Amino acid sequence: MENEQRKELKVTAIASGTVIDHIPAQNVFQVIKILGLDRSKEMVLFGTYLDSRKYGKKGIIKVSNTFFESDEINKIALVAPSATLIVIKDYKVASKSKVEIPDIVNNIVKCFNPNCITNAESVPTKFDVIKDEEILKLRCHYCEKTTTKDDMVFI
């Protein structure tokens, strides 16, 4: 048995909080940043480029004592549309759901057009979500400029 190689890494279970699983491996740090987890006072565990039968490689984030609101879940959906949210209570799975890309995004992404009214006045941003051939795009409700997932700036 001494020659057997360890094939898994065990990570501490969380008593209460949220696990974000099936994040595209290259987007883990972006999810951490847009959710402000880099400033969290709670335990945050993450892994990136982990083996996944379904996706090849994936990322995962575990956050103790943290439950996300709908605007935060929408942010996750925009950068990690394959993500699954798992709510943990008393070390057990309380609920599990896939994130869903919303049809409209309100006040979570900044319009990249410097002439847009949302960048000149105190007007909340609003975007229509366009799914065009697997490429996620947002069209500003006010100036109608379109931005892609790669160019989104979160508020």
Protein backbone atom coordinates (compact mmCIF):
# COMPACT_ATOMS: atom_id res chain seq x y z
CA MET A 1 0.00 0.00 0.00
CA GLU A 2 2.98 2.32 0.44
CA ASN A 3 3.45 2.56 -3.32
CA GLU A 4 -0.13 3.64 -4.06
CA GLN A 5 -0.31 7.21 -5.22
CA ARG A 6 -2.91 9.55 -3.82
CA LYS A 7 -5.38 10.46 -6.59
CA GLU A 8 -7.54 13.05 -4.80
CA LEU A 9 -7.05 16.14 -2.76
CA LYS A 10 -9.27 16.45 0.29
CA VAL A 11 -10.48 19.94 1.19
CA THR A 12 -12.14 20.94 4.44
CA ALA A 13 -15.92 20.78 4.31
CA ILE A 14 -17.82 23.96 5.12
CA ALA A 15 -20.51 23.93 7.80
CA SER A 16 -22.58 26.65 6.18
CA GLY A 17 -22.11 28.63 2.98
CA THR A 18 -22.03 28.27 -0.78
CA VAL A 19 -20.02 26.17 -3.21
CA ILE A 20 -19.73 27.43 -6.79
CA ASP A 21 -18.83 24.40 -8.89
CA HIS A 22 -18.23 23.82 -12.62
CA ILE A 23 -16.69 27.24 -13.22
CA PRO A 24 -14.67 27.36 -16.45
CA ALA A 25 -11.11 26.94 -15.13
CA GLN A 26 -9.86 30.18 -16.70
CA ASN A 27 -12.67 32.22 -15.04
CA VAL A 28 -12.16 31.30 -11.36
CA PHE A 29 -10.19 34.43 -10.48
CA GLN A 30 -12.67 36.63 -12.36
CA VAL A 31 -15.54 35.16 -10.30
CA ILE A 32 -13.55 35.75 -7.09
CA LYS A 33 -12.97 39.38 -8.09
CA ILE A 34 -16.51 40.27 -9.24
CA LEU A 35 -17.99 38.82 -6.06
CA GLY A 36 -15.45 40.64 -3.89
CA LEU A 37 -14.27 37.37 -2.38
CA ASP A 38 -10.70 38.67 -2.45
CA ARG A 39 -11.80 41.00 0.39
CA SER A 40 -13.94 38.47 2.27
CA LYS A 41 -13.37 37.92 5.98
CA GLU A 42 -14.85 34.41 5.64
CA MET A 43 -12.96 31.26 4.66
CA VAL A 44 -12.68 31.09 0.86
CA LEU A 45 -11.29 27.92 -0.73
CA PHE A 46 -10.76 27.63 -4.47
CA GLY A 47 -9.31 25.26 -6.99
CA THR A 48 -8.65 25.78 -10.64
CA TYR A 49 -7.86 23.45 -13.53
CA LEU A 50 -9.30 20.49 -11.65
CA ASP A 51 -10.22 17.37 -13.62
CA SER A 52 -13.87 17.16 -14.64
CA ARG A 53 -15.49 14.34 -16.55
CA LYS A 54 -18.09 16.69 -18.00
CA TYR A 55 -15.96 19.77 -18.81
CA GLY A 56 -12.40 18.47 -19.02
CA LYS A 57 -11.08 21.10 -16.60
CA LYS A 58 -13.05 23.17 -14.12
CA GLY A 59 -12.80 25.48 -11.16
CA ILE A 60 -14.53 25.47 -7.79
CA ILE A 61 -14.99 28.06 -5.03
CA LYS A 62 -16.21 27.34 -1.49
CA VAL A 63 -17.24 30.27 0.71
CA SER A 64 -18.16 29.83 4.38
CA ASN A 65 -21.13 31.67 5.84
CA THR A 66 -21.94 33.38 2.54
CA PHE A 67 -25.11 33.13 0.48
CA PHE A 68 -25.43 35.04 -2.78
CA GLU A 69 -28.22 37.41 -3.82
CA SER A 70 -29.75 37.38 -7.30
CA ASP A 71 -27.55 40.21 -8.66
CA GLU A 72 -24.44 38.30 -7.54
CA ILE A 73 -25.77 35.09 -9.11
CA ASN A 74 -26.36 37.03 -12.35
CA LYS A 75 -22.71 38.14 -12.28
CA ILE A 76 -21.63 34.51 -11.89
CA ALA A 77 -23.91 33.50 -14.80
CA LEU A 78 -22.37 36.11 -17.10
CA VAL A 79 -18.78 34.89 -16.61
CA ALA A 80 -19.45 31.23 -15.74
CA PRO A 81 -22.71 30.14 -17.41
CA SER A 82 -21.95 26.45 -16.68
CA ALA A 83 -21.64 27.05 -12.92
CA THR A 84 -23.64 25.21 -10.29
CA LEU A 85 -24.50 26.77 -6.92
CA ILE A 86 -24.63 24.44 -3.94
CA VAL A 87 -25.98 25.84 -0.68
CA ILE A 88 -24.57 24.09 2.40
CA LYS A 89 -26.25 24.11 5.82
CA ASP A 90 -25.06 22.00 8.75
CA TYR A 91 -22.47 20.31 6.48
CA LYS A 92 -25.26 19.04 4.18
CA VAL A 93 -26.45 20.10 0.73
CA ALA A 94 -29.55 22.24 1.31
CA SER A 95 -30.05 23.08 -2.38
CA LYS A 96 -28.30 22.75 -5.70
CA SER A 97 -29.05 24.72 -8.88
CA LYS A 98 -27.45 25.74 -12.14
CA VAL A 99 -27.00 29.44 -12.72
CA GLU A 100 -29.18 30.88 -15.47
CA ILE A 101 -28.18 33.69 -17.77
CA PRO A 102 -30.81 36.42 -17.32
CA ASP A 103 -32.56 38.06 -20.28
CA ILE A 104 -31.96 41.53 -18.83
CA VAL A 105 -29.06 42.73 -16.67
CA ASN A 106 -29.71 45.73 -14.44
CA ASN A 107 -27.02 47.80 -12.73
CA ILE A 108 -24.26 45.18 -12.51
CA VAL A 109 -22.25 45.91 -15.68
CA LYS A 110 -20.95 49.27 -16.89
CA CYS A 111 -21.58 50.45 -20.46
CA PHE A 112 -18.28 50.69 -22.33
CA ASN A 113 -19.53 53.64 -24.45
CA PRO A 114 -18.10 56.81 -22.83
CA ASN A 115 -20.94 58.86 -24.41
CA CYS A 116 -23.70 56.68 -22.92
CA ILE A 117 -26.03 58.51 -20.55
CA THR A 118 -25.24 55.95 -17.84
CA ASN A 119 -21.64 57.19 -17.80
CA ALA A 120 -22.57 60.89 -17.79
CA GLU A 121 -25.51 60.99 -15.39
CA SER A 122 -26.82 59.07 -12.42
CA VAL A 123 -28.79 56.57 -14.50
CA PRO A 124 -28.69 52.85 -13.63
CA THR A 125 -27.39 50.62 -16.40
CA LYS A 126 -29.67 48.21 -18.22
CA PHE A 127 -28.67 45.64 -20.84
CA ASP A 128 -30.49 43.11 -22.99
CA VAL A 129 -28.66 39.79 -23.06
CA ILE A 130 -28.03 38.42 -26.55
CA LYS A 131 -26.94 34.82 -27.00
CA ASP A 132 -25.46 34.74 -30.49
CA GLU A 133 -23.83 31.48 -31.58
CA GLU A 134 -22.58 30.65 -28.07
CA ILE A 135 -21.12 34.13 -27.64
CA LEU A 136 -22.70 36.12 -24.84
CA LYS A 137 -23.28 39.78 -25.70
CA LEU A 138 -24.95 42.65 -23.87
CA ARG A 139 -26.76 45.47 -25.69
CA CYS A 140 -27.15 48.73 -23.76
CA HIS A 141 -30.80 49.73 -23.37
CA TYR A 142 -29.90 53.44 -23.80
CA CYS A 143 -27.16 53.74 -26.43
CA GLU A 144 -27.65 50.29 -28.05
CA LYS A 145 -23.91 49.58 -28.14
CA THR A 146 -23.05 45.90 -27.82
CA THR A 147 -20.28 44.46 -25.68
CA THR A 148 -19.04 40.89 -25.39
CA LYS A 149 -18.37 38.81 -22.30
CA ASP A 150 -14.63 39.50 -22.54
CA ASP A 151 -15.10 43.29 -22.39
CA MET A 152 -17.60 43.49 -19.50
CA VAL A 153 -16.73 45.78 -16.61
CA PHE A 154 -18.67 44.98 -13.47
CA ILE A 155 -19.93 47.78 -11.23
